[in-house]
Amino acid sequence: SKTIVMVHGATFSSGSLYDVPLGGFSFMDYLAVRGFDVF
C-alpha cells in the first residue's frame, strides 16, 4: 500500500515528468515525504 511504481508518457522521461524539483520539490519528493516508497 505504500509502494508505487511509475512510468512516463511518449515524449519525456520519468525524471523529467516526476522528479524535477519545481518550487523546491518534485512529485516523487512529495510522495516520499508522505511515506511512500517510490520507483
Full PDB file with SEQRES, HELIX, SHEET, SSBOND, CRYST1, ORIGX, SCALE, CONECT and MASTER records, all heavy atoms in Angstrom:
SEQRES   1 A   39  SER LYS THR ILE VAL MET VAL HIS GLY ALA THR PHE SER          
SEQRES   2 A   39  SER GLY SER LEU TYR ASP VAL PRO LEU GLY GLY PHE SER          
SEQRES   3 A   39  PHE MET ASP TYR LEU ALA VAL ARG GLY PHE ASP VAL PHE          
HELIX    1 AA1 SER A   14  TYR A   18  1                                   5    
HELIX    2 AA2 LEU A   22  GLY A   24  5                                   3    
HELIX    3 AA3 PHE A   27  VAL A   33  1                                   7    
SHEET    1 AA1 2 THR A   3  ILE A   4  0                                        
SHEET    2 AA1 2 ASP A  37  VAL A  38  1                                        
CRYST1    1.000    1.000    1.000  90.00  90.00  90.00 P 1           1          
ORIGX1      1.000000  0.000000  0.000000        0.00000                         
ORIGX2      0.000000  1.000000  0.000000        0.00000                         
ORIGX3      0.000000  0.000000  1.000000        0.00000                         
SCALE1      1.000000  0.000000  0.000000        0.00000                         
SCALE2      0.000000  1.000000  0.000000        0.00000                         
SCALE3      0.000000  0.000000  1.000000        0.00000                         
ATOM      1  N   SER A   1       0.812  -1.216   0.000  1.00  0.00           N  
ATOM      2  CA  SER A   1       0.000   0.000   0.000  1.00  0.00           C  
ATOM      3  C   SER A   1       0.847   1.270   0.000  1.00  0.00           C  
ATOM      4  O   SER A   1       0.366   2.337  -0.370  1.00  0.00           O  
ATOM      5  CB  SER A   1      -0.938   0.006   1.200  1.00  0.00           C  
ATOM      6  OG  SER A   1      -0.207   0.019   2.406  1.00  0.00           O  
ATOM      7  N   LYS A   2       2.110   1.154   0.411  1.00  0.00           N  
ATOM      8  CA  LYS A   2       2.995   2.314   0.454  1.00  0.00           C  
ATOM      9  C   LYS A   2       4.073   2.268  -0.623  1.00  0.00           C  
ATOM     10  O   LYS A   2       5.057   3.003  -0.561  1.00  0.00           O  
ATOM     11  CB  LYS A   2       3.650   2.403   1.840  1.00  0.00           C  
ATOM     12  CG  LYS A   2       2.752   3.022   2.901  1.00  0.00           C  
ATOM     13  CD  LYS A   2       2.493   4.505   2.605  1.00  0.00           C  
ATOM     14  CE  LYS A   2       1.794   5.199   3.760  1.00  0.00           C  
ATOM     15  NZ  LYS A   2       1.607   6.651   3.486  1.00  0.00           N  
ATOM     16  N   THR A   3       3.889   1.401  -1.614  1.00  0.00           N  
ATOM     17  CA  THR A   3       4.856   1.272  -2.701  1.00  0.00           C  
ATOM     18  C   THR A   3       4.208   1.692  -4.010  1.00  0.00           C  
ATOM     19  O   THR A   3       3.069   1.341  -4.297  1.00  0.00           O  
ATOM     20  CB  THR A   3       5.352  -0.182  -2.815  1.00  0.00           C  
ATOM     21  OG1 THR A   3       5.886  -0.590  -1.552  1.00  0.00           O  
ATOM     22  CG2 THR A   3       6.425  -0.307  -3.880  1.00  0.00           C  
ATOM     23  N   ILE A   4       4.934   2.480  -4.800  1.00  0.00           N  
ATOM     24  CA  ILE A   4       4.426   2.959  -6.093  1.00  0.00           C  
ATOM     25  C   ILE A   4       5.497   2.741  -7.161  1.00  0.00           C  
ATOM     26  O   ILE A   4       6.670   3.075  -6.958  1.00  0.00           O  
ATOM     27  CB  ILE A   4       4.071   4.463  -6.057  1.00  0.00           C  
ATOM     28  CG1 ILE A   4       3.101   4.778  -4.918  1.00  0.00           C  
ATOM     29  CG2 ILE A   4       3.486   4.901  -7.398  1.00  0.00           C  
ATOM     30  CD1 ILE A   4       2.866   6.274  -4.727  1.00  0.00           C  
ATOM     31  N   VAL A   5       5.087   2.200  -8.302  1.00  0.00           N  
ATOM     32  CA  VAL A   5       5.944   2.142  -9.483  1.00  0.00           C  
ATOM     33  C   VAL A   5       5.324   3.057 -10.531  1.00  0.00           C  
ATOM     34  O   VAL A   5       4.123   2.981 -10.810  1.00  0.00           O  
ATOM     35  CB  VAL A   5       6.074   0.705 -10.029  1.00  0.00           C  
ATOM     36  CG1 VAL A   5       6.941   0.698 -11.290  1.00  0.00           C  
ATOM     37  CG2 VAL A   5       6.677  -0.216  -8.972  1.00  0.00           C  
ATOM     38  N   MET A   6       6.150   3.935 -11.128  1.00  0.00           N  
ATOM     39  CA  MET A   6       5.663   4.940 -12.061  1.00  0.00           C  
ATOM     40  C   MET A   6       6.310   4.759 -13.432  1.00  0.00           C  
ATOM     41  O   MET A   6       7.462   4.332 -13.534  1.00  0.00           O  
ATOM     42  CB  MET A   6       5.970   6.342 -11.519  1.00  0.00           C  
ATOM     43  CG  MET A   6       5.545   6.550 -10.081  1.00  0.00           C  
ATOM     44  SD  MET A   6       6.240   8.046  -9.326  1.00  0.00           S  
ATOM     45  CE  MET A   6       5.156   9.278 -10.011  1.00  0.00           C  
ATOM     46  N   VAL A   7       5.550   5.116 -14.470  1.00  0.00           N  
ATOM     47  CA  VAL A   7       6.095   5.102 -15.818  1.00  0.00           C  
ATOM     48  C   VAL A   7       5.572   6.334 -16.557  1.00  0.00           C  
ATOM     49  O   VAL A   7       4.491   6.846 -16.260  1.00  0.00           O  
ATOM     50  CB  VAL A   7       5.733   3.787 -16.558  1.00  0.00           C  
ATOM     51  CG1 VAL A   7       4.234   3.667 -16.793  1.00  0.00           C  
ATOM     52  CG2 VAL A   7       6.505   3.660 -17.870  1.00  0.00           C  
ATOM     53  N   HIS A   8       6.343   6.812 -17.508  1.00  0.00           N  
ATOM     54  CA  HIS A   8       6.136   8.112 -18.151  1.00  0.00           C  
ATOM     55  C   HIS A   8       5.346   8.009 -19.451  1.00  0.00           C  
ATOM     56  O   HIS A   8       4.883   6.939 -19.840  1.00  0.00           O  
ATOM     57  CB  HIS A   8       7.495   8.743 -18.438  1.00  0.00           C  
ATOM     58  CG  HIS A   8       8.396   7.826 -19.217  1.00  0.00           C  
ATOM     59  ND1 HIS A   8       8.327   7.692 -20.579  1.00  0.00           N  
ATOM     60  CD2 HIS A   8       9.367   6.971 -18.807  1.00  0.00           C  
ATOM     61  CE1 HIS A   8       9.218   6.810 -20.994  1.00  0.00           C  
ATOM     62  NE2 HIS A   8       9.868   6.343 -19.938  1.00  0.00           N  
ATOM     63  N   GLY A   9       5.216   9.154 -20.142  1.00  0.00           N  
ATOM     64  CA  GLY A   9       4.498   9.219 -21.397  1.00  0.00           C  
ATOM     65  C   GLY A   9       5.392   9.036 -22.609  1.00  0.00           C  
ATOM     66  O   GLY A   9       6.520   8.539 -22.517  1.00  0.00           O  
ATOM     67  N   ALA A  10       4.912   9.466 -23.775  1.00  0.00           N  
ATOM     68  CA  ALA A  10       5.559   9.165 -25.052  1.00  0.00           C  
ATOM     69  C   ALA A  10       6.707  10.096 -25.414  1.00  0.00           C  
ATOM     70  O   ALA A  10       7.443   9.820 -26.358  1.00  0.00           O  
ATOM     71  CB  ALA A  10       4.516   9.204 -26.172  1.00  0.00           C  
ATOM     72  N   THR A  11       6.871  11.199 -24.678  1.00  0.00           N  
ATOM     73  CA  THR A  11       7.875  12.182 -25.071  1.00  0.00           C  
ATOM     74  C   THR A  11       8.951  12.386 -24.009  1.00  0.00           C  
ATOM     75  O   THR A  11      10.143  12.416 -24.326  1.00  0.00           O  
ATOM     76  CB  THR A  11       7.214  13.537 -25.387  1.00  0.00           C  
ATOM     77  OG1 THR A  11       6.222  13.351 -26.398  1.00  0.00           O  
ATOM     78  CG2 THR A  11       8.243  14.542 -25.877  1.00  0.00           C  
ATOM     79  N   PHE A  12       8.555  12.526 -22.764  1.00  0.00           N  
ATOM     80  CA  PHE A  12       9.501  12.850 -21.699  1.00  0.00           C  
ATOM     81  C   PHE A  12       9.635  11.705 -20.704  1.00  0.00           C  
ATOM     82  O   PHE A  12       8.701  10.942 -20.482  1.00  0.00           O  
ATOM     83  CB  PHE A  12       9.058  14.128 -20.986  1.00  0.00           C  
ATOM     84  CG  PHE A  12       8.885  15.304 -21.911  1.00  0.00           C  
ATOM     85  CD1 PHE A  12       7.628  15.844 -22.157  1.00  0.00           C  
ATOM     86  CD2 PHE A  12       9.972  15.846 -22.570  1.00  0.00           C  
ATOM     87  CE1 PHE A  12       7.463  16.911 -23.020  1.00  0.00           C  
ATOM     88  CE2 PHE A  12       9.821  16.923 -23.443  1.00  0.00           C  
ATOM     89  CZ  PHE A  12       8.568  17.458 -23.679  1.00  0.00           C  
ATOM     90  N   SER A  13      10.796  11.614 -20.073  1.00  0.00           N  
ATOM     91  CA  SER A  13      11.122  10.521 -19.166  1.00  0.00           C  
ATOM     92  C   SER A  13      10.436  10.683 -17.812  1.00  0.00           C  
ATOM     93  O   SER A  13       9.825  11.711 -17.504  1.00  0.00           O  
ATOM     94  CB  SER A  13      12.634  10.482 -18.945  1.00  0.00           C  
ATOM     95  OG  SER A  13      13.028  11.600 -18.138  1.00  0.00           O  
ATOM     96  N   SER A  14      10.598   9.666 -16.974  1.00  0.00           N  
ATOM     97  CA  SER A  14      10.068   9.747 -15.612  1.00  0.00           C  
ATOM     98  C   SER A  14      10.773  10.834 -14.807  1.00  0.00           C  
ATOM     99  O   SER A  14      10.150  11.532 -14.007  1.00  0.00           O  
ATOM    100  CB  SER A  14      10.224   8.390 -14.906  1.00  0.00           C  
ATOM    101  OG  SER A  14       9.281   7.463 -15.396  1.00  0.00           O  
ATOM    102  N   GLY A  15      12.084  10.987 -15.017  1.00  0.00           N  
ATOM    103  CA  GLY A  15      12.794  12.046 -14.313  1.00  0.00           C  
ATOM    104  C   GLY A  15      12.284  13.418 -14.701  1.00  0.00           C  
ATOM    105  O   GLY A  15      12.097  14.296 -13.857  1.00  0.00           O  
ATOM    106  N   SER A  16      12.043  13.616 -15.994  1.00  0.00           N  
ATOM    107  CA  SER A  16      11.552  14.892 -16.496  1.00  0.00           C  
ATOM    108  C   SER A  16      10.160  15.215 -15.966  1.00  0.00           C  
ATOM    109  O   SER A  16       9.888  16.345 -15.545  1.00  0.00           O  
ATOM    110  CB  SER A  16      11.531  14.857 -18.029  1.00  0.00           C  
ATOM    111  OG  SER A  16      10.862  15.974 -18.567  1.00  0.00           O  
ATOM    112  N   LEU A  17       9.277  14.233 -15.961  1.00  0.00           N  
ATOM    113  CA  LEU A  17       7.880  14.473 -15.582  1.00  0.00           C  
ATOM    114  C   LEU A  17       7.641  14.437 -14.076  1.00  0.00           C  
ATOM    115  O   LEU A  17       6.758  15.136 -13.566  1.00  0.00           O  
ATOM    116  CB  LEU A  17       6.978  13.436 -16.247  1.00  0.00           C  
ATOM    117  CG  LEU A  17       6.859  13.520 -17.769  1.00  0.00           C  
ATOM    118  CD1 LEU A  17       6.097  12.309 -18.301  1.00  0.00           C  
ATOM    119  CD2 LEU A  17       6.168  14.807 -18.195  1.00  0.00           C  
ATOM    120  N   TYR A  18       8.406  13.612 -13.360  1.00  0.00           N  
ATOM    121  CA  TYR A  18       8.074  13.327 -11.974  1.00  0.00           C  
ATOM    122  C   TYR A  18       9.124  13.762 -10.957  1.00  0.00           C  
ATOM    123  O   TYR A  18       8.864  13.717  -9.750  1.00  0.00           O  
ATOM    124  CB  TYR A  18       7.845  11.815 -11.778  1.00  0.00           C  
ATOM    125  CG  TYR A  18       6.855  11.201 -12.729  1.00  0.00           C  
ATOM    126  CD1 TYR A  18       7.068   9.923 -13.259  1.00  0.00           C  
ATOM    127  CD2 TYR A  18       5.690  11.871 -13.105  1.00  0.00           C  
ATOM    128  CE1 TYR A  18       6.158   9.338 -14.129  1.00  0.00           C  
ATOM    129  CE2 TYR A  18       4.779  11.297 -13.976  1.00  0.00           C  
ATOM    130  CZ  TYR A  18       5.020  10.032 -14.484  1.00  0.00           C  
ATOM    131  OH  TYR A  18       4.111   9.459 -15.344  1.00  0.00           O  
ATOM    132  N   ASP A  19      10.312  14.185 -11.413  1.00  0.00           N  
ATOM    133  CA  ASP A  19      11.348  14.423 -10.411  1.00  0.00           C  
ATOM    134  C   ASP A  19      12.186  15.673 -10.626  1.00  0.00           C  
ATOM    135  O   ASP A  19      13.323  15.747 -10.176  1.00  0.00           O  
ATOM    136  CB  ASP A  19      12.264  13.194 -10.290  1.00  0.00           C  
ATOM    137  CG  ASP A  19      12.967  13.136  -8.941  1.00  0.00           C  
ATOM    138  OD1 ASP A  19      12.396  13.609  -7.948  1.00  0.00           O  
ATOM    139  OD2 ASP A  19      14.101  12.616  -8.885  1.00  0.00           O  
ATOM    140  N   VAL A  20      11.655  16.680 -11.295  1.00  0.00           N  
ATOM    141  CA  VAL A  20      12.314  17.985 -11.339  1.00  0.00           C  
ATOM    142  C   VAL A  20      11.774  18.787 -10.153  1.00  0.00           C  
ATOM    143  O   VAL A  20      10.553  18.948 -10.027  1.00  0.00           O  
ATOM    144  CB  VAL A  20      12.043  18.720 -12.666  1.00  0.00           C  
ATOM    145  CG1 VAL A  20      12.713  20.095 -12.659  1.00  0.00           C  
ATOM    146  CG2 VAL A  20      12.548  17.893 -13.847  1.00  0.00           C  
ATOM    147  N   PRO A  21      12.634  19.283  -9.260  1.00  0.00           N  
ATOM    148  CA  PRO A  21      12.168  19.933  -8.020  1.00  0.00           C  
ATOM    149  C   PRO A  21      11.630  21.345  -8.240  1.00  0.00           C  
ATOM    150  O   PRO A  21      12.210  22.336  -7.783  1.00  0.00           O  
ATOM    151  CB  PRO A  21      13.419  19.925  -7.139  1.00  0.00           C  
ATOM    152  CG  PRO A  21      14.559  19.983  -8.119  1.00  0.00           C  
ATOM    153  CD  PRO A  21      14.104  19.163  -9.309  1.00  0.00           C  
ATOM    154  N   LEU A  22      10.526  21.447  -8.922  1.00  0.00           N  
ATOM    155  CA  LEU A  22       9.894  22.737  -9.164  1.00  0.00           C  
ATOM    156  C   LEU A  22       9.362  23.300  -7.843  1.00  0.00           C  
ATOM    157  O   LEU A  22       8.727  22.592  -7.066  1.00  0.00           O  
ATOM    158  CB  LEU A  22       8.752  22.577 -10.167  1.00  0.00           C  
ATOM    159  CG  LEU A  22       9.147  21.943 -11.506  1.00  0.00           C  
ATOM    160  CD1 LEU A  22       7.915  21.685 -12.358  1.00  0.00           C  
ATOM    161  CD2 LEU A  22      10.146  22.821 -12.240  1.00  0.00           C  
ATOM    162  N   GLY A  23       9.647  24.567  -7.598  1.00  0.00           N  
ATOM    163  CA  GLY A  23       9.217  25.169  -6.338  1.00  0.00           C  
ATOM    164  C   GLY A  23       9.879  24.522  -5.132  1.00  0.00           C  
ATOM    165  O   GLY A  23       9.387  24.632  -4.006  1.00  0.00           O  
ATOM    166  N   GLY A  24      10.984  23.807  -5.341  1.00  0.00           N  
ATOM    167  CA  GLY A  24      11.723  23.211  -4.238  1.00  0.00           C  
ATOM    168  C   GLY A  24      11.501  21.734  -4.035  1.00  0.00           C  
ATOM    169  O   GLY A  24      12.244  21.099  -3.283  1.00  0.00           O  
ATOM    170  N   PHE A  25      10.490  21.150  -4.694  1.00  0.00           N  
ATOM    171  CA  PHE A  25      10.260  19.712  -4.537  1.00  0.00           C  
ATOM    172  C   PHE A  25       9.529  19.155  -5.749  1.00  0.00           C  
ATOM    173  O   PHE A  25       8.777  19.847  -6.419  1.00  0.00           O  
ATOM    174  CB  PHE A  25       9.469  19.419  -3.254  1.00  0.00           C  
ATOM    175  CG  PHE A  25       8.065  19.973  -3.239  1.00  0.00           C  
ATOM    176  CD1 PHE A  25       6.982  19.191  -3.617  1.00  0.00           C  
ATOM    177  CD2 PHE A  25       7.823  21.282  -2.855  1.00  0.00           C  
ATOM    178  CE1 PHE A  25       5.695  19.692  -3.618  1.00  0.00           C  
ATOM    179  CE2 PHE A  25       6.534  21.802  -2.847  1.00  0.00           C  
ATOM    180  CZ  PHE A  25       5.464  21.007  -3.224  1.00  0.00           C  
ATOM    181  N   SER A  26       9.781  17.867  -5.991  1.00  0.00           N  
ATOM    182  CA  SER A  26       9.169  17.181  -7.124  1.00  0.00           C  
ATOM    183  C   SER A  26       7.988  16.333  -6.661  1.00  0.00           C  
ATOM    184  O   SER A  26       7.744  16.170  -5.460  1.00  0.00           O  
ATOM    185  CB  SER A  26      10.207  16.277  -7.797  1.00  0.00           C  
ATOM    186  OG  SER A  26      10.523  15.173  -6.944  1.00  0.00           O  
ATOM    187  N   PHE A  27       7.292  15.750  -7.625  1.00  0.00           N  
ATOM    188  CA  PHE A  27       6.204  14.821  -7.320  1.00  0.00           C  
ATOM    189  C   PHE A  27       6.736  13.636  -6.522  1.00  0.00           C  
ATOM    190  O   PHE A  27       6.133  13.197  -5.536  1.00  0.00           O  
ATOM    191  CB  PHE A  27       5.573  14.357  -8.629  1.00  0.00           C  
ATOM    192  CG  PHE A  27       4.404  13.422  -8.486  1.00  0.00           C  
ATOM    193  CD1 PHE A  27       3.524  13.509  -7.415  1.00  0.00           C  
ATOM    194  CD2 PHE A  27       4.165  12.442  -9.447  1.00  0.00           C  
ATOM    195  CE1 PHE A  27       2.439  12.637  -7.295  1.00  0.00           C  
ATOM    196  CE2 PHE A  27       3.089  11.575  -9.341  1.00  0.00           C  
ATOM    197  CZ  PHE A  27       2.234  11.670  -8.255  1.00  0.00           C  
ATOM    198  N   MET A  28       7.887  13.104  -6.923  1.00  0.00           N  
ATOM    199  CA  MET A  28       8.472  11.990  -6.185  1.00  0.00           C  
ATOM    200  C   MET A  28       8.861  12.397  -4.772  1.00  0.00           C  
ATOM    201  O   MET A  28       8.684  11.626  -3.818  1.00  0.00           O  
ATOM    202  CB  MET A  28       9.676  11.424  -6.937  1.00  0.00           C  
ATOM    203  CG  MET A  28       9.326  10.722  -8.245  1.00  0.00           C  
ATOM    204  SD  MET A  28      10.738   9.893  -9.028  1.00  0.00           S  
ATOM    205  CE  MET A  28      10.980   8.500  -7.913  1.00  0.00           C  
ATOM    206  N   ASP A  29       9.397  13.602  -4.613  1.00  0.00           N  
ATOM    207  CA  ASP A  29       9.711  14.106  -3.271  1.00  0.00           C  
ATOM    208  C   ASP A  29       8.458  14.140  -2.402  1.00  0.00           C  
ATOM    209  O   ASP A  29       8.469  13.709  -1.247  1.00  0.00           O  
ATOM    210  CB  ASP A  29      10.291  15.523  -3.345  1.00  0.00           C  
ATOM    211  CG  ASP A  29      11.663  15.580  -3.988  1.00  0.00           C  
ATOM    212  OD1 ASP A  29      12.408  14.580  -3.913  1.00  0.00           O  
ATOM    213  OD2 ASP A  29      11.987  16.622  -4.579  1.00  0.00           O  
ATOM    214  N   TYR A  30       7.394  14.682  -2.958  1.00  0.00           N  
ATOM    215  CA  TYR A  30       6.132  14.806  -2.216  1.00  0.00           C  
ATOM    216  C   TYR A  30       5.659  13.442  -1.734  1.00  0.00           C  
ATOM    217  O   TYR A  30       5.279  13.276  -0.570  1.00  0.00           O  
ATOM    218  CB  TYR A  30       5.080  15.456  -3.116  1.00  0.00           C  
ATOM    219  CG  TYR A  30       3.696  15.513  -2.508  1.00  0.00           C  
ATOM    220  CD1 TYR A  30       3.293  16.594  -1.732  1.00  0.00           C  
ATOM    221  CD2 TYR A  30       2.792  14.471  -2.714  1.00  0.00           C  
ATOM    222  CE1 TYR A  30       2.022  16.643  -1.164  1.00  0.00           C  
ATOM    223  CE2 TYR A  30       1.523  14.500  -2.148  1.00  0.00           C  
ATOM    224  CZ  TYR A  30       1.145  15.587  -1.380  1.00  0.00           C  
ATOM    225  OH  TYR A  30      -0.110  15.609  -0.817  1.00  0.00           O  
ATOM    226  N   LEU A  31       5.679  12.464  -2.622  1.00  0.00           N  
ATOM    227  CA  LEU A  31       5.200  11.135  -2.258  1.00  0.00           C  
ATOM    228  C   LEU A  31       6.096  10.489  -1.203  1.00  0.00           C  
ATOM    229  O   LEU A  31       5.607   9.832  -0.277  1.00  0.00           O  
ATOM    230  CB  LEU A  31       5.131  10.254  -3.501  1.00  0.00           C  
ATOM    231  CG  LEU A  31       4.062  10.634  -4.526  1.00  0.00           C  
ATOM    232  CD1 LEU A  31       4.259   9.847  -5.815  1.00  0.00           C  
ATOM    233  CD2 LEU A  31       2.659  10.417  -3.976  1.00  0.00           C  
ATOM    234  N   ALA A  32       7.414  10.662  -1.334  1.00  0.00           N  
ATOM    235  CA  ALA A  32       8.334  10.070  -0.358  1.00  0.00           C  
ATOM    236  C   ALA A  32       8.123  10.675   1.026  1.00  0.00           C  
ATOM    237  O   ALA A  32       8.141   9.964   2.033  1.00  0.00           O  
ATOM    238  CB  ALA A  32       9.775  10.260  -0.817  1.00  0.00           C  
ATOM    239  N   VAL A  33       7.904  11.981   1.089  1.00  0.00           N  
ATOM    240  CA  VAL A  33       7.646  12.631   2.377  1.00  0.00           C  
ATOM    241  C   VAL A  33       6.325  12.142   2.972  1.00  0.00           C  
ATOM    242  O   VAL A  33       6.179  12.048   4.203  1.00  0.00           O  
ATOM    243  CB  VAL A  33       7.662  14.168   2.232  1.00  0.00           C  
ATOM    244  CG1 VAL A  33       7.153  14.847   3.488  1.00  0.00           C  
ATOM    245  CG2 VAL A  33       9.075  14.641   1.926  1.00  0.00           C  
ATOM    246  N   ARG A  34       5.375  11.796   2.127  1.00  0.00           N  
ATOM    247  CA  ARG A  34       4.108  11.230   2.608  1.00  0.00           C  
ATOM    248  C   ARG A  34       4.270   9.779   3.075  1.00  0.00           C  
ATOM    249  O   ARG A  34       3.323   9.162   3.558  1.00  0.00           O  
ATOM    250  CB  ARG A  34       3.054  11.277   1.500  1.00  0.00           C  
ATOM    251  CG  ARG A  34       2.511  12.648   1.157  1.00  0.00           C  
ATOM    252  CD  ARG A  34       1.303  13.067   1.967  1.00  0.00           C  
ATOM    253  NE  ARG A  34       0.101  12.291   1.811  1.00  0.00           N  
ATOM    254  CZ  ARG A  34      -1.070  12.786   1.375  1.00  0.00           C  
ATOM    255  NH1 ARG A  34      -1.148  14.045   0.969  1.00  0.00           N  
ATOM    256  NH2 ARG A  34      -2.150  12.028   1.342  1.00  0.00           N  
ATOM    257  N   GLY A  35       5.465   9.230   2.934  1.00  0.00           N  
ATOM    258  CA  GLY A  35       5.718   7.888   3.429  1.00  0.00           C  
ATOM    259  C   GLY A  35       5.770   6.807   2.380  1.00  0.00           C  
ATOM    260  O   GLY A  35       5.872   5.622   2.705  1.00  0.00           O  
ATOM    261  N   PHE A  36       5.727   7.190   1.097  1.00  0.00           N  
ATOM    262  CA  PHE A  36       5.734   6.195   0.030  1.00  0.00           C  
ATOM    263  C   PHE A  36       7.149   5.807  -0.394  1.00  0.00           C  
ATOM    264  O   PHE A  36       8.075   6.618  -0.368  1.00  0.00           O  
ATOM    265  CB  PHE A  36       4.974   6.719  -1.189  1.00  0.00           C  
ATOM    266  CG  PHE A  36       3.489   6.775  -1.014  1.00  0.00           C  
ATOM    267  CD1 PHE A  36       2.857   7.960  -0.672  1.00  0.00           C  
ATOM    268  CD2 PHE A  36       2.714   5.631  -1.178  1.00  0.00           C  
ATOM    269  CE1 PHE A  36       1.480   8.014  -0.502  1.00  0.00           C  
ATOM    270  CE2 PHE A  36       1.343   5.671  -1.012  1.00  0.00           C  
ATOM    271  CZ  PHE A  36       0.723   6.865  -0.666  1.00  0.00           C  
ATOM    272  N   ASP A  37       7.277   4.564  -0.797  1.00  0.00           N  
ATOM    273  CA  ASP A  37       8.480   4.011  -1.400  1.00  0.00           C  
ATOM    274  C   ASP A  37       8.238   4.086  -2.903  1.00  0.00           C  
ATOM    275  O   ASP A  37       7.460   3.301  -3.457  1.00  0.00           O  
ATOM    276  CB  ASP A  37       8.625   2.563  -0.921  1.00  0.00           C  
ATOM    277  CG  ASP A  37      10.005   1.981  -1.145  1.00  0.00           C  
ATOM    278  OD1 ASP A  37      10.963   2.746  -1.313  1.00  0.00           O  
ATOM    279  OD2 ASP A  37      10.117   0.734  -1.127  1.00  0.00           O  
ATOM    280  N   VAL A  38       8.890   5.034  -3.595  1.00  0.00           N  
ATOM    281  CA  VAL A  38       8.516   5.382  -4.964  1.00  0.00           C  
ATOM    282  C   VAL A  38       9.618   5.016  -5.955  1.00  0.00           C  
ATOM    283  O   VAL A  38      10.769   5.429  -5.792  1.00  0.00           O  
ATOM    284  CB  VAL A  38       8.213   6.894  -5.091  1.00  0.00           C  
ATOM    285  CG1 VAL A  38       7.557   7.192  -6.435  1.00  0.00           C  
ATOM    286  CG2 VAL A  38       7.347   7.378  -3.955  1.00  0.00           C  
ATOM    287  N   PHE A  39       9.243   4.278  -6.979  1.00  0.00           N  
ATOM    288  CA  PHE A  39      10.172   3.869  -8.037  1.00  0.00           C  
ATOM    289  C   PHE A  39       9.627   4.370  -9.371  1.00  0.00           C  
ATOM    290  O   PHE A  39       8.443   4.184  -9.673  1.00  0.00           O  
ATOM    291  CB  PHE A  39      10.289   2.346  -8.092  1.00  0.00           C  
ATOM    292  CG  PHE A  39      10.810   1.705  -6.836  1.00  0.00           C  
ATOM    293  CD1 PHE A  39       9.965   1.471  -5.756  1.00  0.00           C  
ATOM    294  CD2 PHE A  39      12.140   1.323  -6.735  1.00  0.00           C  
ATOM    295  CE1 PHE A  39      10.438   0.855  -4.599  1.00  0.00           C  
ATOM    296  CE2 PHE A  39      12.631   0.711  -5.590  1.00  0.00           C  
ATOM    297  CZ  PHE A  39      11.764   0.473  -4.514  1.00  0.00           C  
TER     298      PHE A  39                                                      
MASTER        0    0    0    3    2    0    0    6  297    1    0    3          
END                                                                             
